[in-house]
């Protein structure tokens, strides 16, 4: 079974405007949408659209948490959230106008007993299970929460994927995650460089492998994706043409596509192609991509039939 973890899920309220908002003035929208989000939930949704079953883990609170839990269920995602006794699941505001901006809210306090309950669920995973850790850790949880989770899984055979940034990502590497997925900017920030060439990106990926990562997937936005495998193979999937409608969730879609491709075929190259197709398909969609759109793009870029 695949398990995705979203410590701090959200209701994502997307507001469309003709132009960027003017601070201090009344601004009016041209349309709105509501999505049930968080990186792990996004991955679970795209996995489901590709025919893969998963269980979404995390915390929900208050009336917004009830709405999120109900919405996730209606989307066909299985969940096993821990309900907090106080606070509210956050609402994030996404502004799409002349440019794309976000206001991500803080979310509820997570008591230690509730964090421990989640860690206990995760600690029951075994060989054949996959665990995705995605996003930041709320300020009310210990900063080493990812490390505590990975420590509990040591020796049990479950495979792990980490989609995080900065030192949060780096601290997970000694636990040898199967896959990490920094984007170009996150990788550059981690090494304190700018405008890195492709060869530089692969060198930085190699440095992360020496720290413990097994496979390093680098998302490049409109330029596609790079993969450095644990066998030392260098792979690339180029940019895909299309009209970008929004980039929110594209990286999560890439993770879902990659994982689907790998589980179904055991082939990292096909996994890379499906991941790139999924990321692009979501960028070309309002919201996260439909499964048929992902598979269509996958075939267009030379992907072989999935099992």
Foldseek 3Di string as FASTA:
>chain_A
DEEEEFAAWAWEKEFEAAADDDPPDDGDTPDIDIDTGGLRLLLQLLLVLQVHAYEYEYEFEDPRSVVSVVRSVVSVHHYDYDYDPDWGRYYKYWYHYPHIDIDGDQGDADDPVNLVVRLVVLLPDAAPYEYEYEEADHPNDDRCSLVSSLVSCPPRRYAYEYEYAEVSVLVCQQSAHAEYEEEPVRLCVNVVHPPDDPVRSVVSVVVSVVSHYAKYWYQHVQQAIWIQGNVRDTDTQGGDDADFPDQPSLQSQLVSQLVQQCVQPVDNRLSSLLSRLQSVQQRRDDHGHRNVSSVVSSVVSPRDDTD
